[in-house]
C-alpha cells in the first residue's frame, strides 16, 4: 500500500492529529496511520500497538519497508499496555466498536497522563464513548461523520476540559447522536439516523410481539425514548 494515501476514514482521523506530536495508535493493524502521519511530517514519532500476532507482523513489515523503524516503535500488548504514562501526547483508536474503545480507555486510564488529545473512530456505539468521556473529564471538542464503501463512520476528538460543555442544549440527543453532528446535520448524518430510526422501530415491534417481562419493559422504554429523541432532531 502507498502510505502517502490512506482510506478516506483514516485520512480524516490523521487530520485531527496535532502537528509535531508524539502519537500512540492503538490497534494499529498494518501501522498505515502512523506511517502516513510520519511521512507527512505531522508527528515526531509514534508507538503502534497491536494485540494480535498477525497484525503485529504486518505492522512491523510496513514500518520496516517504509524505512521508519527509528521513528515508529511497534509493540505487542493489549490496549494502552503498550505505552508508559507521559510517553505520548495523542492517542488514536480507530475501527472498533464504541464499547471496546471505552473499555480500552478505562482499563488503561493510568496511561493517559500527559495525553492532550484522544481521536476515536468507533464503527458503532459512539454514545458509549461520549458517556465515558464525560465521566472521565474529557471534553468532546469536535466530531465528524463520513461514509466510505457504504459504511458510515464517526470520529470523536476529545481534550481535557469541561466535559459537559458540548451538552448544554438537548443533553440526551447530544449523547446519542453527537452534539456537533446534530448542529451540522450533514447528508450522511441524516442518512445514518433515518436508518437507525427504522432499525429501532423494527426492534420495538419485535419486543412488543415478545410479551411483557421486566427486562423487556426497560428495553422498550429506552427504545421509545431514543425514537422520540431521534424523530425530534430529524424533524427540526
Protein backbone atom coordinates (compact mmCIF):
# COMPACT_ATOMS: atom_id res chain seq x y z
CA UNK A 1 0.00 0.00 0.00
CA UNK A 2 1.11 3.54 -0.77
CA UNK A 3 1.39 5.11 2.68
CA UNK A 4 1.12 8.59 1.17
CA UNK A 5 -2.54 7.69 0.62
CA UNK A 6 -4.93 6.37 3.26
CA UNK A 7 -8.55 5.33 3.22
CA UNK A 8 -10.89 8.30 3.48
CA UNK A 9 -11.72 7.27 7.05
CA UNK A 10 -8.11 7.08 8.28
CA UNK A 11 -7.11 10.22 6.39
CA UNK A 12 -9.86 12.05 8.27
CA UNK A 13 -8.52 10.65 11.58
CA UNK A 14 -4.99 11.78 10.64
CA UNK A 15 -6.32 15.29 10.03
CA UNK A 16 -7.02 15.70 13.76
CA UNK A 17 -3.53 14.71 14.97
CA UNK A 18 -1.86 17.84 16.39
CA UNK A 19 1.28 18.86 14.46
CA UNK A 20 4.63 17.74 15.89
CA UNK A 21 3.01 15.45 18.45
CA UNK A 22 4.05 12.01 19.73
CA UNK A 23 1.37 9.51 18.75
CA UNK A 24 0.14 6.16 20.01
CA UNK A 25 -2.04 4.32 17.50
CA UNK A 26 -3.83 1.54 19.36
CA UNK A 27 -4.99 -1.45 17.32
CA UNK A 28 -2.71 -0.18 14.56
CA UNK A 29 -3.21 -3.18 12.26
CA UNK A 30 -0.77 -2.52 9.38
CA UNK A 31 0.53 0.71 11.01
CA UNK A 32 -0.74 2.64 7.98
CA UNK A 33 -1.87 5.61 10.08
CA UNK A 34 1.42 6.26 11.95
CA UNK A 35 3.46 5.65 8.77
CA UNK A 36 1.30 8.15 6.88
CA UNK A 37 1.48 10.71 9.72
CA UNK A 38 5.26 10.33 9.88
CA UNK A 39 5.70 10.64 6.10
CA UNK A 40 3.52 13.76 6.04
CA UNK A 41 5.58 15.37 8.81
CA UNK A 42 2.59 15.53 11.16
CA UNK A 43 4.25 13.69 14.08
CA UNK A 44 7.70 13.43 15.67
CA UNK A 45 7.44 9.72 16.37
CA UNK A 46 4.88 7.05 17.22
CA UNK A 47 4.04 3.85 19.03
CA UNK A 48 1.97 1.36 17.02
CA UNK A 49 0.21 -1.03 19.39
CA UNK A 50 -1.30 -4.36 18.37
CA UNK A 51 -2.52 -7.28 20.48
CA UNK A 52 -2.66 -9.95 17.75
CA UNK A 53 0.38 -11.63 16.27
CA UNK A 54 -0.70 -11.42 12.61
CA UNK A 55 -1.42 -7.67 12.53
CA UNK A 56 1.70 -7.08 14.66
CA UNK A 57 3.85 -8.75 11.99
CA UNK A 58 2.09 -6.74 9.28
CA UNK A 59 2.79 -3.51 11.20
CA UNK A 60 6.47 -4.42 11.66
CA UNK A 61 6.79 -5.22 7.97
CA UNK A 62 5.11 -1.96 6.94
CA UNK A 63 7.29 0.17 9.24
CA UNK A 64 10.47 -1.56 8.02
CA UNK A 65 9.57 -1.26 4.34
CA UNK A 66 8.77 2.43 4.86
CA UNK A 67 12.19 2.97 6.44
CA UNK A 68 10.61 4.33 9.63
CA UNK A 69 11.96 1.89 12.23
CA UNK A 70 13.74 4.60 14.20
CA UNK A 71 10.58 6.73 14.39
CA UNK A 72 7.77 4.18 14.86
CA UNK A 73 8.02 1.61 17.64
CA UNK A 74 5.76 -1.38 17.00
CA UNK A 75 4.77 -3.02 20.30
CA UNK A 76 2.65 -6.02 21.21
CA UNK A 77 0.16 -5.52 24.03
CA UNK A 78 -3.49 -5.17 24.98
CA UNK A 79 -4.80 -1.63 24.55
CA UNK A 80 -2.82 1.04 26.38
CA UNK A 81 -0.45 -1.56 27.89
CA UNK A 82 1.91 -0.64 25.07
CA UNK A 83 2.63 2.88 26.37
CA UNK A 84 4.06 4.37 29.55
CA UNK A 85 2.42 7.27 31.41
CA UNK A 86 3.66 10.56 29.94
CA UNK A 87 5.14 8.90 26.84
CA UNK A 88 2.69 10.17 24.21
CA UNK A 89 0.59 13.30 23.64
CA UNK A 90 -2.06 11.98 21.26
CA UNK A 91 -3.85 8.62 21.08
CA UNK A 92 -5.77 7.30 18.08
CA UNK A 93 -8.08 4.28 18.32
CA UNK A 94 -9.89 3.53 15.06
CA UNK A 95 -12.03 0.80 13.58
CA UNK A 96 -13.51 -0.77 16.71
CA UNK A 97 -16.86 -0.68 18.49
CA UNK A 98 -17.55 2.14 20.92
CA UNK A 99 -17.90 -0.25 23.86
CA UNK A 100 -14.46 -1.75 23.18
CA UNK A 101 -12.84 1.67 22.75
CA UNK A 102 -14.36 2.82 26.06
CA UNK A 103 -13.10 -0.35 27.74
CA UNK A 104 -9.57 0.19 26.39
CA UNK A 105 -9.55 3.74 27.76
CA UNK A 106 -10.97 2.66 31.10
CA UNK A 107 -8.51 -0.21 31.60
CA UNK A 108 -5.61 1.99 30.54
CA UNK A 109 -6.68 5.18 32.33
CA UNK A 110 -3.42 5.31 34.31
CA UNK A 111 -1.56 5.62 30.97
CA UNK A 112 -3.41 8.77 29.93
CA UNK A 113 -1.12 11.03 31.94
CA UNK A 114 0.36 13.63 29.58
CA UNK A 115 -2.09 12.81 26.79
CA UNK A 116 -3.58 16.01 25.37
CA UNK A 117 -5.86 14.62 22.67
CA UNK A 118 -7.89 11.47 22.00
CA UNK A 119 -9.03 10.76 18.43
CA UNK A 120 -11.55 7.94 18.49
CA UNK A 121 -13.27 6.38 15.48
CA UNK A 122 -15.94 3.89 16.52
CA UNK A 123 -17.67 1.78 13.87
CA UNK A 124 -20.73 1.55 16.15
CA UNK A 125 -21.71 2.69 19.64
CA UNK A 126 -20.32 6.23 19.67
CA UNK A 127 -22.72 7.09 22.53
CA UNK A 128 -20.71 4.78 24.82
CA UNK A 129 -17.61 6.84 24.14
CA UNK A 130 -19.38 10.15 24.76
CA UNK A 131 -20.53 8.84 28.13
CA UNK A 132 -17.03 7.64 29.02
CA UNK A 133 -15.50 10.99 28.07
CA UNK A 134 -17.89 12.92 30.32
CA UNK A 135 -17.39 10.52 33.24
CA UNK A 136 -13.62 10.89 32.94
CA UNK A 137 -13.35 14.67 32.49
CA UNK A 138 -12.59 14.73 28.76
CA UNK A 139 -14.30 17.38 26.66
CA UNK A 140 -15.55 16.48 23.19
CA UNK A 141 -14.12 19.29 21.01
CA UNK A 142 -15.28 18.24 17.55
CA UNK A 143 -16.84 15.37 15.62
CA UNK A 144 -17.02 14.22 12.02
CA UNK A 145 -19.29 11.75 10.26
CA UNK A 146 -18.40 10.24 6.90
CA UNK A 147 -19.35 7.43 4.57
CA UNK A 148 -16.91 5.10 2.86
CA UNK A 149 -17.67 1.87 0.96
CA UNK A 150 -21.33 2.11 2.04
CA UNK A 151 -20.41 2.20 5.73
CA UNK A 152 -20.89 5.20 7.99
CA UNK A 153 -18.19 6.18 10.50
CA UNK A 154 -17.96 8.79 13.24
CA UNK A 155 -14.79 10.44 14.52
CA UNK A 156 -14.77 11.90 18.04
CA UNK A 157 -11.99 14.25 19.13
CA UNK A 158 -11.56 14.99 22.84
CA UNK A 159 -9.24 17.04 25.04
CA UNK A 160 -9.09 17.64 28.76
CA UNK A 161 -11.51 20.40 29.67
CA UNK A 162 -15.16 20.94 30.53
CA UNK A 163 -16.83 17.59 29.80
CA UNK A 164 -20.43 18.87 29.82
CA UNK A 165 -19.72 21.94 27.67
CA UNK A 166 -20.98 20.40 24.37
CA UNK A 167 -24.19 19.16 26.00
CA UNK A 168 -25.68 22.41 27.30
CA UNK A 169 -28.66 22.03 24.94
CA UNK A 170 -30.51 18.76 24.25
CA UNK A 171 -28.36 16.62 26.50
CA UNK A 172 -29.97 13.23 25.72
CA UNK A 173 -29.89 13.82 21.97
CA UNK A 174 -26.28 15.04 22.20
CA UNK A 175 -25.06 11.87 23.92
CA UNK A 176 -26.94 9.66 21.47
CA UNK A 177 -26.37 11.46 18.18
CA UNK A 178 -23.38 13.75 18.78
CA UNK A 179 -23.71 17.43 19.73
CA UNK A 180 -21.54 18.72 16.87
CA UNK A 181 -23.02 16.35 14.30
CA UNK A 182 -26.56 17.38 15.30
CA UNK A 183 -25.77 21.03 14.64
CA UNK A 184 -24.21 20.32 11.26
CA UNK A 185 -26.89 17.81 10.13
CA UNK A 186 -24.91 16.65 7.10
CA UNK A 187 -26.46 14.37 4.49
CA UNK A 188 -24.50 11.42 5.95
CA UNK A 189 -25.82 12.20 9.45
CA UNK A 190 -29.42 12.36 8.18
CA UNK A 191 -28.94 9.09 6.26
CA UNK A 192 -27.47 7.31 9.30
CA UNK A 193 -30.24 8.36 11.67
CA UNK A 194 -33.05 7.66 9.21
CA UNK A 195 -31.71 4.09 9.01
CA UNK A 196 -31.19 3.88 12.79
CA UNK A 197 -34.76 5.08 13.34
CA UNK A 198 -36.19 2.34 11.13
CA UNK A 199 -33.98 -0.22 12.88
CA UNK A 200 -35.15 0.88 16.34
CA UNK A 201 -38.79 0.77 15.26
CA UNK A 202 -38.36 -2.78 13.94
CA UNK A 203 -36.79 -3.90 17.22
CA UNK A 204 -39.59 -2.22 19.20
CA UNK A 205 -42.17 -4.09 17.12
CA UNK A 206 -40.40 -7.39 17.81
CA UNK A 207 -40.29 -6.62 21.53
CA UNK A 208 -44.00 -5.79 21.50
CA UNK A 209 -44.67 -9.20 20.00
CA UNK A 210 -42.44 -10.96 22.55
CA UNK A 211 -44.72 -10.29 25.50
CA UNK A 212 -44.09 -8.36 28.70
CA UNK A 213 -41.28 -9.07 31.16
CA UNK A 214 -39.50 -6.63 33.45
CA UNK A 215 -36.28 -6.66 31.42
CA UNK A 216 -38.18 -6.26 28.13
CA UNK A 217 -40.17 -3.40 29.62
CA UNK A 218 -36.97 -1.49 30.41
CA UNK A 219 -35.55 -2.15 26.94
CA UNK A 220 -38.79 -0.98 25.31
CA UNK A 221 -38.87 2.23 27.36
CA UNK A 222 -35.27 3.00 26.38
CA UNK A 223 -36.03 2.38 22.71
CA UNK A 224 -39.17 4.51 22.82
CA UNK A 225 -37.18 7.33 24.40
CA UNK A 226 -34.46 7.07 21.74
CA UNK A 227 -37.03 7.01 18.94
CA UNK A 228 -38.64 10.22 20.24
CA UNK A 229 -35.23 11.88 20.54
CA UNK A 230 -34.16 10.93 17.01
CA UNK A 231 -37.51 11.92 15.48
CA UNK A 232 -37.28 15.26 17.27
CA UNK A 233 -33.82 16.00 15.86
CA UNK A 234 -34.65 14.84 12.31
CA UNK A 235 -37.85 16.90 12.18
CA UNK A 236 -36.16 20.19 13.06
